[in-house]
C-alpha atoms as a PDB file:
ATOM      1  CA  MET A   1       0.000   0.000   0.000  1.00  0.00           C
ATOM      2  CA  GLY A   2       2.981   2.318   0.294  1.00  0.00           C
ATOM      3  CA  PHE A   3       2.506   2.890   4.015  1.00  0.00           C
ATOM      4  CA  ASP A   4       5.648   2.724   6.150  1.00  0.00           C
ATOM      5  CA  MET A   5       5.008   3.894   9.722  1.00  0.00           C
ATOM      6  CA  LYS A   6       8.693   4.761  10.231  1.00  0.00           C
ATOM      7  CA  VAL A   7       8.437   7.257   7.380  1.00  0.00           C
ATOM      8  CA  GLU A   8       4.854   8.377   7.987  1.00  0.00           C
ATOM      9  CA  LYS A   9       5.162   9.208  11.676  1.00  0.00           C
ATOM     10  CA  SER A  10       7.531  12.116  10.983  1.00  0.00           C
ATOM     11  CA  ARG A  11       5.818  13.430   7.837  1.00  0.00           C
ATOM     12  CA  PHE A  12       4.544  16.993   8.156  1.00  0.00           C
ATOM     13  CA  LEU A  13       6.550  17.436  11.366  1.00  0.00           C
ATOM     14  CA  THR A  14      10.011  18.153   9.987  1.00  0.00           C
ATOM     15  CA  TYR A  15      11.537  20.638   7.573  1.00  0.00           C
ATOM     16  CA  LYS A  16      13.754  19.133   4.861  1.00  0.00           C
ATOM     17  CA  SER A  17      13.431  21.682   2.049  1.00  0.00           C
ATOM     18  CA  ASP A  18      11.769  24.987   1.194  1.00  0.00           C
ATOM     19  CA  LEU A  19       8.790  22.974  -0.050  1.00  0.00           C
ATOM     20  CA  ASP A  20       8.034  21.677   3.443  1.00  0.00           C
ATOM     21  CA  LEU A  21       5.647  23.386   5.829  1.00  0.00           C
ATOM     22  CA  PRO A  22       5.731  21.537   9.154  1.00  0.00           C
ATOM     23  CA  ILE A  23       2.473  21.549  11.095  1.00  0.00           C
ATOM     24  CA  SER A  24       4.112  23.451  13.957  1.00  0.00           C
ATOM     25  CA  GLN A  25       5.045  26.269  11.551  1.00  0.00           C
ATOM     26  CA  LEU A  26       1.516  26.264  10.114  1.00  0.00           C
ATOM     27  CA  PHE A  27       0.062  26.761  13.600  1.00  0.00           C
ATOM     28  CA  GLU A  28       2.612  29.496  14.408  1.00  0.00           C
ATOM     29  CA  LEU A  29       1.573  31.363  11.258  1.00  0.00           C
ATOM     30  CA  ALA A  30      -2.098  30.995  12.163  1.00  0.00           C
ATOM     31  CA  LYS A  31      -1.467  32.152  15.733  1.00  0.00           C
ATOM     32  CA  SER A  32       0.481  35.216  14.579  1.00  0.00           C
ATOM     33  CA  ALA A  33      -2.465  36.127  12.328  1.00  0.00           C
ATOM     34  CA  LYS A  34      -4.866  35.614  15.258  1.00  0.00           C
ATOM     35  CA  SER A  35      -6.498  32.791  13.313  1.00  0.00           C
ATOM     36  CA  VAL A  36      -7.583  29.335  14.460  1.00  0.00           C
ATOM     37  CA  ILE A  37      -7.419  26.165  12.377  1.00  0.00           C
ATOM     38  CA  ARG A  38     -10.351  23.850  13.143  1.00  0.00           C
ATOM     39  CA  LEU A  39     -11.266  22.125   9.897  1.00  0.00           C
ATOM     40  CA  ALA A  40      -9.306  21.078   6.824  1.00  0.00           C
ATOM     41  CA  LEU A  41      -9.888  19.301   3.536  1.00  0.00           C
ATOM     42  CA  ASP A  42      -6.981  17.171   2.302  1.00  0.00           C
ATOM     43  CA  ILE A  43      -7.358  16.381  -1.391  1.00  0.00           C
ATOM     44  CA  GLY A  44      -5.327  13.351  -2.443  1.00  0.00           C
ATOM     45  CA  GLY A  45      -4.517  12.530   1.176  1.00  0.00           C
ATOM     46  CA  GLY A  46      -3.082   9.048   0.622  1.00  0.00           C
ATOM     47  CA  THR A  47      -3.341   7.071   3.847  1.00  0.00           C
ATOM     48  CA  GLY A  48      -4.330  10.093   5.936  1.00  0.00           C
ATOM     49  CA  THR A  49      -1.027  10.978   7.574  1.00  0.00           C
ATOM     50  CA  PHE A  50      -1.683  14.732   7.382  1.00  0.00           C
ATOM     51  CA  ALA A  51      -5.118  14.169   8.944  1.00  0.00           C
ATOM     52  CA  ALA A  52      -3.605  12.004  11.695  1.00  0.00           C
ATOM     53  CA  GLN A  53      -1.003  14.650  12.546  1.00  0.00           C
ATOM     54  CA  MET A  54      -3.647  17.406  12.540  1.00  0.00           C
ATOM     55  CA  LYS A  55      -5.966  15.305  14.722  1.00  0.00           C
ATOM     56  CA  ARG A  56      -3.302  15.511  17.429  1.00  0.00           C
ATOM     57  CA  GLN A  57      -3.836  19.297  17.301  1.00  0.00           C
ATOM     58  CA  ASN A  58      -7.655  18.921  17.609  1.00  0.00           C
ATOM     59  CA  VAL A  59      -8.263  19.713  13.936  1.00  0.00           C
ATOM     60  CA  THR A  60     -10.768  17.680  11.927  1.00  0.00           C
ATOM     61  CA  VAL A  61      -9.545  16.847   8.438  1.00  0.00           C
ATOM     62  CA  LEU A  62     -11.690  15.370   5.682  1.00  0.00           C
ATOM     63  CA  THR A  63      -9.363  13.277   3.527  1.00  0.00           C
ATOM     64  CA  THR A  64     -10.117  12.523  -0.111  1.00  0.00           C
ATOM     65  CA  THR A  65      -8.237   9.639  -1.644  1.00  0.00           C
ATOM     66  CA  MET A  66      -8.105   7.706  -4.861  1.00  0.00           C
ATOM     67  CA  ASN A  67      -8.050   3.946  -4.445  1.00  0.00           C
ATOM     68  CA  LEU A  68      -5.398   3.444  -7.119  1.00  0.00           C
ATOM     69  CA  GLY A  69      -3.656   0.155  -6.426  1.00  0.00           C
ATOM     70  CA  ALA A  70      -4.610   0.126  -2.752  1.00  0.00           C
ATOM     71  CA  PRO A  71      -7.665   0.720  -0.532  1.00  0.00           C
ATOM     72  CA  TYR A  72      -6.613   4.159   0.742  1.00  0.00           C
ATOM     73  CA  ASN A  73     -10.125   5.159   1.883  1.00  0.00           C
ATOM     74  CA  GLU A  74     -10.186   2.093   4.106  1.00  0.00           C
ATOM     75  CA  ALA A  75      -6.717   2.897   5.465  1.00  0.00           C
ATOM     76  CA  VAL A  76      -7.904   6.385   6.410  1.00  0.00           C
ATOM     77  CA  ALA A  77     -11.015   4.989   8.128  1.00  0.00           C
ATOM     78  CA  ILE A  78      -9.052   2.326  10.028  1.00  0.00           C
ATOM     79  CA  ARG A  79      -6.885   5.105  11.474  1.00  0.00           C
ATOM     80  CA  GLY A  80     -10.022   6.678  12.984  1.00  0.00           C
ATOM     81  CA  LEU A  81     -10.025   9.529  10.481  1.00  0.00           C
ATOM     82  CA  VAL A  82     -12.694  10.857   8.119  1.00  0.00           C
ATOM     83  CA  PRO A  83     -12.388   9.583   4.527  1.00  0.00           C
ATOM     84  CA  LEU A  84     -14.341  11.382   1.831  1.00  0.00           C
ATOM     85  CA  HIS A  85     -14.919   9.897  -1.607  1.00  0.00           C
ATOM     86  CA  ALA A  86     -14.739  12.602  -4.252  1.00  0.00           C
ATOM     87  CA  PRO A  87     -14.009  11.675  -7.873  1.00  0.00           C
ATOM     88  CA  LEU A  88     -11.467  13.709  -9.834  1.00  0.00           C
ATOM     89  CA  GLN A  89     -14.175  15.530 -11.755  1.00  0.00           C
ATOM     90  CA  GLN A  90     -15.987  16.566  -8.552  1.00  0.00           C
ATOM     91  CA  ARG A  91     -16.202  20.324  -8.107  1.00  0.00           C
ATOM     92  CA  LEU A  92     -16.674  22.033  -4.784  1.00  0.00           C
ATOM     93  CA  PRO A  93     -19.836  24.146  -4.807  1.00  0.00           C
ATOM     94  CA  VAL A  94     -19.029  27.840  -4.988  1.00  0.00           C
ATOM     95  CA  PHE A  95     -15.355  27.145  -4.256  1.00  0.00           C
ATOM     96  CA  ASP A  96     -14.752  30.572  -2.810  1.00  0.00           C
ATOM     97  CA  GLY A  97     -17.550  30.073  -0.259  1.00  0.00           C
ATOM     98  CA  VAL A  98     -15.943  26.935   1.161  1.00  0.00           C
ATOM     99  CA  LEU A  99     -13.135  28.839   2.882  1.00  0.00           C
ATOM    100  CA  ARG A 100     -13.918  31.545   5.439  1.00  0.00           C
ATOM    101  CA  GLY A 101     -12.210  34.917   5.407  1.00  0.00           C
ATOM    102  CA  GLY A 102      -8.869  34.613   7.198  1.00  0.00           C
ATOM    103  CA  GLY A 103      -8.757  30.882   6.394  1.00  0.00           C
ATOM    104  CA  TYR A 104      -5.756  29.199   4.823  1.00  0.00           C
ATOM    105  CA  PHE A 105      -5.465  27.355   1.523  1.00  0.00           C
ATOM    106  CA  LEU A 106      -2.425  25.057   1.384  1.00  0.00           C
ATOM    107  CA  LEU A 107      -1.060  23.541  -1.800  1.00  0.00           C
ATOM    108  CA  ASP A 108       1.547  21.014  -0.697  1.00  0.00           C
ATOM    109  CA  HIS A 109       3.977  19.632  -3.276  1.00  0.00           C
ATOM    110  CA  PHE A 110       1.577  20.333  -6.169  1.00  0.00           C
ATOM    111  CA  PHE A 111       3.380  19.372  -9.362  1.00  0.00           C
ATOM    112  CA  SER A 112       3.053  20.579 -12.906  1.00  0.00           C
ATOM    113  CA  LYS A 113       5.226  21.516 -15.831  1.00  0.00           C
ATOM    114  CA  ARG A 114       7.147  24.735 -15.217  1.00  0.00           C
ATOM    115  CA  THR A 115       5.513  26.398 -18.219  1.00  0.00           C
ATOM    116  CA  ASP A 116       2.021  25.476 -16.944  1.00  0.00           C
ATOM    117  CA  LEU A 117       2.861  26.840 -13.501  1.00  0.00           C
ATOM    118  CA  ASP A 118       4.107  30.119 -14.962  1.00  0.00           C
ATOM    119  CA  LYS A 119       1.430  30.611 -17.621  1.00  0.00           C
ATOM    120  CA  VAL A 120      -1.668  28.974 -16.099  1.00  0.00           C
ATOM    121  CA  PHE A 121      -1.573  28.179 -12.381  1.00  0.00           C
ATOM    122  CA  THR A 122       0.257  31.233 -11.013  1.00  0.00           C
ATOM    123  CA  PRO A 123      -2.070  33.715 -12.785  1.00  0.00           C
ATOM    124  CA  LEU A 124      -5.102  31.616 -11.785  1.00  0.00           C
ATOM    125  CA  ILE A 125      -4.034  31.591  -8.136  1.00  0.00           C
ATOM    126  CA  GLY A 126      -3.344  35.332  -8.354  1.00  0.00           C
ATOM    127  CA  LYS A 127      -6.942  35.958  -9.466  1.00  0.00           C
ATOM    128  CA  LEU A 128      -8.186  34.557  -6.143  1.00  0.00           C
ATOM    129  CA  GLY A 129      -6.802  37.641  -4.413  1.00  0.00           C
ATOM    130  CA  TYR A 130      -5.418  35.615  -1.513  1.00  0.00           C
ATOM    131  CA  LYS A 131      -2.357  36.764   0.435  1.00  0.00           C
ATOM    132  CA  LYS A 132       0.738  34.666  -0.320  1.00  0.00           C
ATOM    133  CA  VAL A 133       2.031  33.606   3.106  1.00  0.00           C
ATOM    134  CA  LYS A 134       4.438  31.054   1.610  1.00  0.00           C
ATOM    135  CA  TRP A 135       5.359  30.398  -2.027  1.00  0.00           C
ATOM    136  CA  ALA A 136       8.107  27.883  -2.826  1.00  0.00           C
ATOM    137  CA  VAL A 137       8.907  26.284  -6.180  1.00  0.00           C
ATOM    138  CA  ALA A 138      11.509  23.559  -6.749  1.00  0.00           C
ATOM    139  CA  ASN A 139      12.430  21.242  -9.592  1.00  0.00           C
ATOM    140  CA  LYS A 140      10.966  17.735  -9.536  1.00  0.00           C
ATOM    141  CA  THR A 141      14.171  15.713  -9.620  1.00  0.00           C
ATOM    142  CA  ASP A 142      12.998  12.213 -10.567  1.00  0.00           C
ATOM    143  CA  SER A 143      13.588  11.048 -14.167  1.00  0.00           C
ATOM    144  CA  SER A 144      10.079  12.031 -15.305  1.00  0.00           C
ATOM    145  CA  GLY A 145      10.367  15.462 -13.705  1.00  0.00           C
ATOM    146  CA  VAL A 146      13.732  16.208 -15.268  1.00  0.00           C
ATOM    147  CA  LYS A 147      12.635  14.923 -18.678  1.00  0.00           C
ATOM    148  CA  ASN A 148       9.351  16.860 -18.675  1.00  0.00           C
ATOM    149  CA  GLY A 149      10.479  20.066 -16.953  1.00  0.00           C
ATOM    150  CA  GLU A 150       8.219  19.467 -13.957  1.00  0.00           C
ATOM    151  CA  VAL A 151       8.306  21.428 -10.710  1.00  0.00           C
ATOM    152  CA  TYR A 152       6.706  21.270  -7.280  1.00  0.00           C
ATOM    153  CA  LEU A 153       4.839  24.179  -5.731  1.00  0.00           C
ATOM    154  CA  THR A 154       4.085  24.568  -2.047  1.00  0.00           C
ATOM    155  CA  ALA A 155       1.910  27.587  -1.364  1.00  0.00           C
ATOM    156  CA  LEU A 156       0.150  28.767   1.763  1.00  0.00           C
ATOM    157  CA  LEU A 157      -2.474  31.343   0.871  1.00  0.00           C
ATOM    158  CA  GLN A 158      -4.748  33.287   3.207  1.00  0.00           C
ATOM    159  CA  LYS A 159      -8.207  34.393   2.130  1.00  0.00           C
ATOM    160  CA  PRO A 160      -8.869  38.072   2.865  1.00  0.00           C
ATOM    161  CA  LEU A 161     -11.305  38.824   5.694  1.00  0.00           C
ATOM    162  CA  SER A 162     -13.562  40.741   3.311  1.00  0.00           C
ATOM    163  CA  ARG A 163     -13.742  41.510  -0.369  1.00  0.00           C
END
Protein backbone atom coordinates (compact mmCIF):
# COMPACT_ATOMS: atom_id res chain seq x y z
CA MET A 1 0.00 0.00 0.00
CA GLY A 2 2.98 2.32 0.29
CA PHE A 3 2.51 2.89 4.01
CA ASP A 4 5.65 2.72 6.15
CA MET A 5 5.01 3.89 9.72
CA LYS A 6 8.69 4.76 10.23
CA VAL A 7 8.44 7.26 7.38
CA GLU A 8 4.85 8.38 7.99
CA LYS A 9 5.16 9.21 11.68
CA SER A 10 7.53 12.12 10.98
CA ARG A 11 5.82 13.43 7.84
CA PHE A 12 4.54 16.99 8.16
CA LEU A 13 6.55 17.44 11.37
CA THR A 14 10.01 18.15 9.99
CA TYR A 15 11.54 20.64 7.57
CA LYS A 16 13.75 19.13 4.86
CA SER A 17 13.43 21.68 2.05
CA ASP A 18 11.77 24.99 1.19
CA LEU A 19 8.79 22.97 -0.05
CA ASP A 20 8.03 21.68 3.44
CA LEU A 21 5.65 23.39 5.83
CA PRO A 22 5.73 21.54 9.15
CA ILE A 23 2.47 21.55 11.09
CA SER A 24 4.11 23.45 13.96
CA GLN A 25 5.04 26.27 11.55
CA LEU A 26 1.52 26.26 10.11
CA PHE A 27 0.06 26.76 13.60
CA GLU A 28 2.61 29.50 14.41
CA LEU A 29 1.57 31.36 11.26
CA ALA A 30 -2.10 30.99 12.16
CA LYS A 31 -1.47 32.15 15.73
CA SER A 32 0.48 35.22 14.58
CA ALA A 33 -2.47 36.13 12.33
CA LYS A 34 -4.87 35.61 15.26
CA SER A 35 -6.50 32.79 13.31
CA VAL A 36 -7.58 29.34 14.46
CA ILE A 37 -7.42 26.17 12.38
CA ARG A 38 -10.35 23.85 13.14
CA LEU A 39 -11.27 22.13 9.90
CA ALA A 40 -9.31 21.08 6.82
CA LEU A 41 -9.89 19.30 3.54
CA ASP A 42 -6.98 17.17 2.30
CA ILE A 43 -7.36 16.38 -1.39
CA GLY A 44 -5.33 13.35 -2.44
CA GLY A 45 -4.52 12.53 1.18
CA GLY A 46 -3.08 9.05 0.62
CA THR A 47 -3.34 7.07 3.85
CA GLY A 48 -4.33 10.09 5.94
CA THR A 49 -1.03 10.98 7.57
CA PHE A 50 -1.68 14.73 7.38
CA ALA A 51 -5.12 14.17 8.94
CA ALA A 52 -3.61 12.00 11.69
CA GLN A 53 -1.00 14.65 12.55
CA MET A 54 -3.65 17.41 12.54
CA LYS A 55 -5.97 15.30 14.72
CA ARG A 56 -3.30 15.51 17.43
CA GLN A 57 -3.84 19.30 17.30
CA ASN A 58 -7.65 18.92 17.61
CA VAL A 59 -8.26 19.71 13.94
CA THR A 60 -10.77 17.68 11.93
CA VAL A 61 -9.54 16.85 8.44
CA LEU A 62 -11.69 15.37 5.68
CA THR A 63 -9.36 13.28 3.53
CA THR A 64 -10.12 12.52 -0.11
CA THR A 65 -8.24 9.64 -1.64
CA MET A 66 -8.10 7.71 -4.86
CA ASN A 67 -8.05 3.95 -4.45
CA LEU A 68 -5.40 3.44 -7.12
CA GLY A 69 -3.66 0.15 -6.43
CA ALA A 70 -4.61 0.13 -2.75
CA PRO A 71 -7.66 0.72 -0.53
CA TYR A 72 -6.61 4.16 0.74
CA ASN A 73 -10.12 5.16 1.88
CA GLU A 74 -10.19 2.09 4.11
CA ALA A 75 -6.72 2.90 5.47
CA VAL A 76 -7.90 6.38 6.41
CA ALA A 77 -11.02 4.99 8.13
CA ILE A 78 -9.05 2.33 10.03
CA ARG A 79 -6.88 5.10 11.47
CA GLY A 80 -10.02 6.68 12.98
CA LEU A 81 -10.02 9.53 10.48
CA VAL A 82 -12.69 10.86 8.12
CA PRO A 83 -12.39 9.58 4.53
CA LEU A 84 -14.34 11.38 1.83
CA HIS A 85 -14.92 9.90 -1.61
CA ALA A 86 -14.74 12.60 -4.25
CA PRO A 87 -14.01 11.67 -7.87
CA LEU A 88 -11.47 13.71 -9.83
CA GLN A 89 -14.17 15.53 -11.76
CA GLN A 90 -15.99 16.57 -8.55
CA ARG A 91 -16.20 20.32 -8.11
CA LEU A 92 -16.67 22.03 -4.78
CA PRO A 93 -19.84 24.15 -4.81
CA VAL A 94 -19.03 27.84 -4.99
CA PHE A 95 -15.35 27.15 -4.26
CA ASP A 96 -14.75 30.57 -2.81
CA GLY A 97 -17.55 30.07 -0.26
CA VAL A 98 -15.94 26.93 1.16
CA LEU A 99 -13.13 28.84 2.88
CA ARG A 100 -13.92 31.55 5.44
CA GLY A 101 -12.21 34.92 5.41
CA GLY A 102 -8.87 34.61 7.20
CA GLY A 103 -8.76 30.88 6.39
CA TYR A 104 -5.76 29.20 4.82
CA PHE A 105 -5.47 27.36 1.52
CA LEU A 106 -2.42 25.06 1.38
CA LEU A 107 -1.06 23.54 -1.80
CA ASP A 108 1.55 21.01 -0.70
CA HIS A 109 3.98 19.63 -3.28
CA PHE A 110 1.58 20.33 -6.17
CA PHE A 111 3.38 19.37 -9.36
CA SER A 112 3.05 20.58 -12.91
CA LYS A 113 5.23 21.52 -15.83
CA ARG A 114 7.15 24.74 -15.22
CA THR A 115 5.51 26.40 -18.22
CA ASP A 116 2.02 25.48 -16.94
CA LEU A 117 2.86 26.84 -13.50
CA ASP A 118 4.11 30.12 -14.96
CA LYS A 119 1.43 30.61 -17.62
CA VAL A 120 -1.67 28.97 -16.10
CA PHE A 121 -1.57 28.18 -12.38
CA THR A 122 0.26 31.23 -11.01
CA PRO A 123 -2.07 33.71 -12.78
CA LEU A 124 -5.10 31.62 -11.78
CA ILE A 125 -4.03 31.59 -8.14
CA GLY A 126 -3.34 35.33 -8.35
CA LYS A 127 -6.94 35.96 -9.47
CA LEU A 128 -8.19 34.56 -6.14
CA GLY A 129 -6.80 37.64 -4.41
CA TYR A 130 -5.42 35.61 -1.51
CA LYS A 131 -2.36 36.76 0.43
CA LYS A 132 0.74 34.67 -0.32
CA VAL A 133 2.03 33.61 3.11
CA LYS A 134 4.44 31.05 1.61
CA TRP A 135 5.36 30.40 -2.03
CA ALA A 136 8.11 27.88 -2.83
CA VAL A 137 8.91 26.28 -6.18
CA ALA A 138 11.51 23.56 -6.75
CA ASN A 139 12.43 21.24 -9.59
CA LYS A 140 10.97 17.73 -9.54
CA THR A 141 14.17 15.71 -9.62
CA ASP A 142 13.00 12.21 -10.57
CA SER A 143 13.59 11.05 -14.17
CA SER A 144 10.08 12.03 -15.31
CA GLY A 145 10.37 15.46 -13.71
CA VAL A 146 13.73 16.21 -15.27
CA LYS A 147 12.63 14.92 -18.68
CA ASN A 148 9.35 16.86 -18.67
CA GLY A 149 10.48 20.07 -16.95
CA GLU A 150 8.22 19.47 -13.96
CA VAL A 151 8.31 21.43 -10.71
CA TYR A 152 6.71 21.27 -7.28
CA LEU A 153 4.84 24.18 -5.73
CA THR A 154 4.08 24.57 -2.05
CA ALA A 155 1.91 27.59 -1.36
CA LEU A 156 0.15 28.77 1.76
CA LEU A 157 -2.47 31.34 0.87
CA GLN A 158 -4.75 33.29 3.21
CA LYS A 159 -8.21 34.39 2.13
CA PRO A 160 -8.87 38.07 2.87
CA LEU A 161 -11.30 38.82 5.69
CA SER A 162 -13.56 40.74 3.31
CA ARG A 163 -13.74 41.51 -0.37
